[in-house]
Amino acid sequence: MKLFTKKFSGQSILSWIFQLALIYVAWQVSTHAMANNMTTITIAAVLLLAIYWSFSLDRRSRNNK
């Protein structure tokens, strides 16, 4: 778990993973490989919340140092 909290370009690796997953979902929807339905919107919403959560953890760890 310590690997995911390491900083890369000012963000944790976990934040980058969530952002890349959201980009992947957006790309799949734009190429019509994934349907644009409620399931996809829910997945995108969960990824956005996870990104926000990981940014919050990054900020908290930065403030504790």
C-alpha atoms as a PDB file:
ATOM      1  CA  MET A   1       0.000   0.000   0.000  1.00  0.00           C
ATOM      2  CA  LYS A   2       2.977   2.293   0.566  1.00  0.00           C
ATOM      3  CA  LEU A   3       3.706   2.134  -3.169  1.00  0.00           C
ATOM      4  CA  PHE A   4       0.348   3.759  -3.998  1.00  0.00           C
ATOM      5  CA  THR A   5       1.032   6.713  -1.700  1.00  0.00           C
ATOM      6  CA  LYS A   6       4.390   7.555  -3.270  1.00  0.00           C
ATOM      7  CA  LYS A   7       4.351  10.909  -5.032  1.00  0.00           C
ATOM      8  CA  PHE A   8       4.780  11.199  -8.791  1.00  0.00           C
ATOM      9  CA  SER A   9       4.543  14.695 -10.303  1.00  0.00           C
ATOM     10  CA  GLY A  10       2.933  16.041  -7.148  1.00  0.00           C
ATOM     11  CA  GLN A  11       0.224  13.380  -6.872  1.00  0.00           C
ATOM     12  CA  SER A  12       0.121   9.899  -5.458  1.00  0.00           C
ATOM     13  CA  ILE A  13       0.271   6.961  -7.834  1.00  0.00           C
ATOM     14  CA  LEU A  14      -3.229   6.003  -6.680  1.00  0.00           C
ATOM     15  CA  SER A  15      -4.544   9.351  -7.951  1.00  0.00           C
ATOM     16  CA  TRP A  16      -2.903   8.736 -11.308  1.00  0.00           C
ATOM     17  CA  ILE A  17      -4.445   5.256 -11.551  1.00  0.00           C
ATOM     18  CA  PHE A  18      -7.940   6.636 -10.911  1.00  0.00           C
ATOM     19  CA  GLN A  19      -7.429   9.425 -13.452  1.00  0.00           C
ATOM     20  CA  LEU A  20      -6.169   7.011 -16.099  1.00  0.00           C
ATOM     21  CA  ALA A  21      -9.163   4.751 -15.455  1.00  0.00           C
ATOM     22  CA  LEU A  22     -11.516   7.691 -15.991  1.00  0.00           C
ATOM     23  CA  ILE A  23      -9.722   8.612 -19.227  1.00  0.00           C
ATOM     24  CA  TYR A  24     -10.049   4.994 -20.363  1.00  0.00           C
ATOM     25  CA  VAL A  25     -13.807   4.989 -19.688  1.00  0.00           C
ATOM     26  CA  ALA A  26     -14.216   8.296 -21.534  1.00  0.00           C
ATOM     27  CA  TRP A  27     -12.217   6.957 -24.480  1.00  0.00           C
ATOM     28  CA  GLN A  28     -14.299   3.786 -24.632  1.00  0.00           C
ATOM     29  CA  VAL A  29     -17.517   5.797 -24.644  1.00  0.00           C
ATOM     30  CA  SER A  30     -16.228   8.166 -27.333  1.00  0.00           C
ATOM     31  CA  THR A  31     -15.306   5.273 -29.647  1.00  0.00           C
ATOM     32  CA  HIS A  32     -18.643   3.550 -28.923  1.00  0.00           C
ATOM     33  CA  ALA A  33     -16.879   0.505 -27.479  1.00  0.00           C
ATOM     34  CA  MET A  34     -18.797   1.074 -24.229  1.00  0.00           C
ATOM     35  CA  ALA A  35     -22.434   2.073 -24.105  1.00  0.00           C
ATOM     36  CA  ASN A  36     -23.325   5.483 -22.734  1.00  0.00           C
ATOM     37  CA  ASN A  37     -25.907   4.344 -20.191  1.00  0.00           C
ATOM     38  CA  MET A  38     -26.576   4.619 -16.476  1.00  0.00           C
ATOM     39  CA  THR A  39     -23.964   1.986 -15.621  1.00  0.00           C
ATOM     40  CA  THR A  40     -21.241   3.926 -17.410  1.00  0.00           C
ATOM     41  CA  ILE A  41     -22.301   7.162 -15.767  1.00  0.00           C
ATOM     42  CA  THR A  42     -22.220   5.445 -12.366  1.00  0.00           C
ATOM     43  CA  ILE A  43     -18.723   4.098 -13.050  1.00  0.00           C
ATOM     44  CA  ALA A  44     -17.554   7.580 -14.036  1.00  0.00           C
ATOM     45  CA  ALA A  45     -19.143   9.083 -10.917  1.00  0.00           C
ATOM     46  CA  VAL A  46     -17.439   6.527  -8.663  1.00  0.00           C
ATOM     47  CA  LEU A  47     -14.107   7.228 -10.354  1.00  0.00           C
ATOM     48  CA  LEU A  48     -14.585  10.977  -9.864  1.00  0.00           C
ATOM     49  CA  LEU A  49     -15.321  10.443  -6.170  1.00  0.00           C
ATOM     50  CA  ALA A  50     -12.254   8.196  -5.871  1.00  0.00           C
ATOM     51  CA  ILE A  51     -10.101  10.878  -7.517  1.00  0.00           C
ATOM     52  CA  TYR A  52     -11.439  13.495  -5.101  1.00  0.00           C
ATOM     53  CA  TRP A  53     -10.808  11.134  -2.171  1.00  0.00           C
ATOM     54  CA  SER A  54      -7.226  10.433  -3.267  1.00  0.00           C
ATOM     55  CA  PHE A  55      -6.549  14.183  -3.689  1.00  0.00           C
ATOM     56  CA  SER A  56      -7.886  14.699  -0.170  1.00  0.00           C
ATOM     57  CA  LEU A  57      -5.553  12.025   1.182  1.00  0.00           C
ATOM     58  CA  ASP A  58      -2.635  13.618  -0.690  1.00  0.00           C
ATOM     59  CA  ARG A  59      -3.394  17.003   0.830  1.00  0.00           C
ATOM     60  CA  ARG A  60      -3.814  15.541   4.302  1.00  0.00           C
ATOM     61  CA  SER A  61      -0.486  13.711   4.108  1.00  0.00           C
ATOM     62  CA  ARG A  62       1.204  16.869   2.802  1.00  0.00           C
ATOM     63  CA  ASN A  63      -0.197  18.939   5.689  1.00  0.00           C
ATOM     64  CA  ASN A  64       0.892  16.391   8.311  1.00  0.00           C
ATOM     65  CA  LYS A  65       4.558  16.641   7.311  1.00  0.00           C
END
